[in-house]
Each structure stands twice: as structure tokens, then as C-alpha cells.
Amino acid sequence: MTDVRLENGQRFWFFPTFVGRRSVAGFRWRSRQRRWEYFGIDLDEIRSFSCRR
């Protein structure tokens, strides 16, 4: 499980399934909908991340 913070200030839980040279994809937790959603983003948009067990 990964805690991700984007350049725009958004923060969410993320379970990566693919990491490429310029992007990452996986499942993002949507707390308002209370479900996981498949999601992809450019690595340049990520400000920081923290991996958890």
C-alpha cells in the first residue's frame, strides 16, 4: 500500500500494479465512493509517496 501526494495537493492510498519510465498505474482508494478505482498518472505529477506494509 502506498500513500501518494500529488503536486496539486491531493492525497490518497494507492496500490500500484505497473511502473513505467514515465508513468505509474494501479488502484486508487476513492474514499467518498468507498471503493478502489483503476488509475494511471505521469510520474511528474507525484510530489511524494510513502510505502506501507
C-alpha atoms as a PDB file:
ATOM      1  CA  MET A   1       0.000   0.000   0.000  1.00  0.00           C
ATOM      2  CA  THR A   2       1.318   3.468  -0.859  1.00  0.00           C
ATOM      3  CA  ASP A   3       0.317   6.888   0.453  1.00  0.00           C
ATOM      4  CA  VAL A   4       0.609   9.284  -2.532  1.00  0.00           C
ATOM      5  CA  ARG A   5       0.633  13.097  -2.533  1.00  0.00           C
ATOM      6  CA  LEU A   6       0.272  14.873  -5.885  1.00  0.00           C
ATOM      7  CA  GLU A   7       1.642  18.266  -6.947  1.00  0.00           C
ATOM      8  CA  ASN A   8      -1.924  19.676  -6.799  1.00  0.00           C
ATOM      9  CA  GLY A   9      -2.210  18.726  -3.104  1.00  0.00           C
ATOM     10  CA  GLN A  10      -4.429  15.655  -3.494  1.00  0.00           C
ATOM     11  CA  ARG A  11      -3.536  12.731  -1.267  1.00  0.00           C
ATOM     12  CA  PHE A  12      -4.787   9.133  -1.459  1.00  0.00           C
ATOM     13  CA  TRP A  13      -3.997   5.451  -0.893  1.00  0.00           C
ATOM     14  CA  PHE A  14      -2.636   3.693  -3.957  1.00  0.00           C
ATOM     15  CA  PHE A  15      -1.866   0.063  -4.816  1.00  0.00           C
ATOM     16  CA  PRO A  16       0.498   0.135  -7.831  1.00  0.00           C
ATOM     17  CA  THR A  17       0.341  -2.655 -10.411  1.00  0.00           C
ATOM     18  CA  PHE A  18       2.516  -1.089 -13.147  1.00  0.00           C
ATOM     19  CA  VAL A  19       5.507   1.277 -13.021  1.00  0.00           C
ATOM     20  CA  GLY A  20       6.887   2.537 -16.326  1.00  0.00           C
ATOM     21  CA  ARG A  21       9.588   5.019 -17.261  1.00  0.00           C
ATOM     22  CA  ARG A  22       7.193   7.994 -17.222  1.00  0.00           C
ATOM     23  CA  SER A  23       4.010   6.763 -15.533  1.00  0.00           C
ATOM     24  CA  VAL A  24       2.506   4.559 -12.852  1.00  0.00           C
ATOM     25  CA  ALA A  25      -0.839   2.739 -12.786  1.00  0.00           C
ATOM     26  CA  GLY A  26      -2.798   0.779 -10.246  1.00  0.00           C
ATOM     27  CA  PHE A  27      -5.744   1.058  -7.903  1.00  0.00           C
ATOM     28  CA  ARG A  28      -6.596   4.268  -6.053  1.00  0.00           C
ATOM     29  CA  TRP A  29      -8.860   4.318  -2.993  1.00  0.00           C
ATOM     30  CA  ARG A  30     -11.826   6.655  -3.548  1.00  0.00           C
ATOM     31  CA  SER A  31     -12.954   7.417   0.000  1.00  0.00           C
ATOM     32  CA  ARG A  32     -16.193   9.208  -0.946  1.00  0.00           C
ATOM     33  CA  GLN A  33     -17.323   6.288  -3.101  1.00  0.00           C
ATOM     34  CA  ARG A  34     -15.755   3.785  -0.672  1.00  0.00           C
ATOM     35  CA  ARG A  35     -14.194   1.724  -3.477  1.00  0.00           C
ATOM     36  CA  TRP A  36     -10.988   1.061  -5.387  1.00  0.00           C
ATOM     37  CA  GLU A  37     -10.684   2.574  -8.881  1.00  0.00           C
ATOM     38  CA  TYR A  38      -8.106   1.831 -11.586  1.00  0.00           C
ATOM     39  CA  PHE A  39      -5.930   4.914 -12.052  1.00  0.00           C
ATOM     40  CA  GLY A  40      -2.849   5.993 -14.027  1.00  0.00           C
ATOM     41  CA  ILE A  41      -0.706   9.120 -13.753  1.00  0.00           C
ATOM     42  CA  ASP A  42       2.537  10.664 -15.026  1.00  0.00           C
ATOM     43  CA  LEU A  43       5.393  10.451 -12.534  1.00  0.00           C
ATOM     44  CA  ASP A  44       5.908  14.244 -12.864  1.00  0.00           C
ATOM     45  CA  GLU A  45       2.567  14.774 -11.100  1.00  0.00           C
ATOM     46  CA  ILE A  46       3.672  12.974  -7.919  1.00  0.00           C
ATOM     47  CA  ARG A  47       5.161  15.177  -5.209  1.00  0.00           C
ATOM     48  CA  SER A  48       5.849  12.432  -2.667  1.00  0.00           C
ATOM     49  CA  PHE A  49       4.933   8.898  -1.661  1.00  0.00           C
ATOM     50  CA  SER A  50       5.345   6.606   1.312  1.00  0.00           C
ATOM     51  CA  CYS A  51       5.139   2.825   1.145  1.00  0.00           C
ATOM     52  CA  ARG A  52       3.389   0.870   3.912  1.00  0.00           C
ATOM     53  CA  ARG A  53       3.139  -2.811   4.705  1.00  0.00           C
END
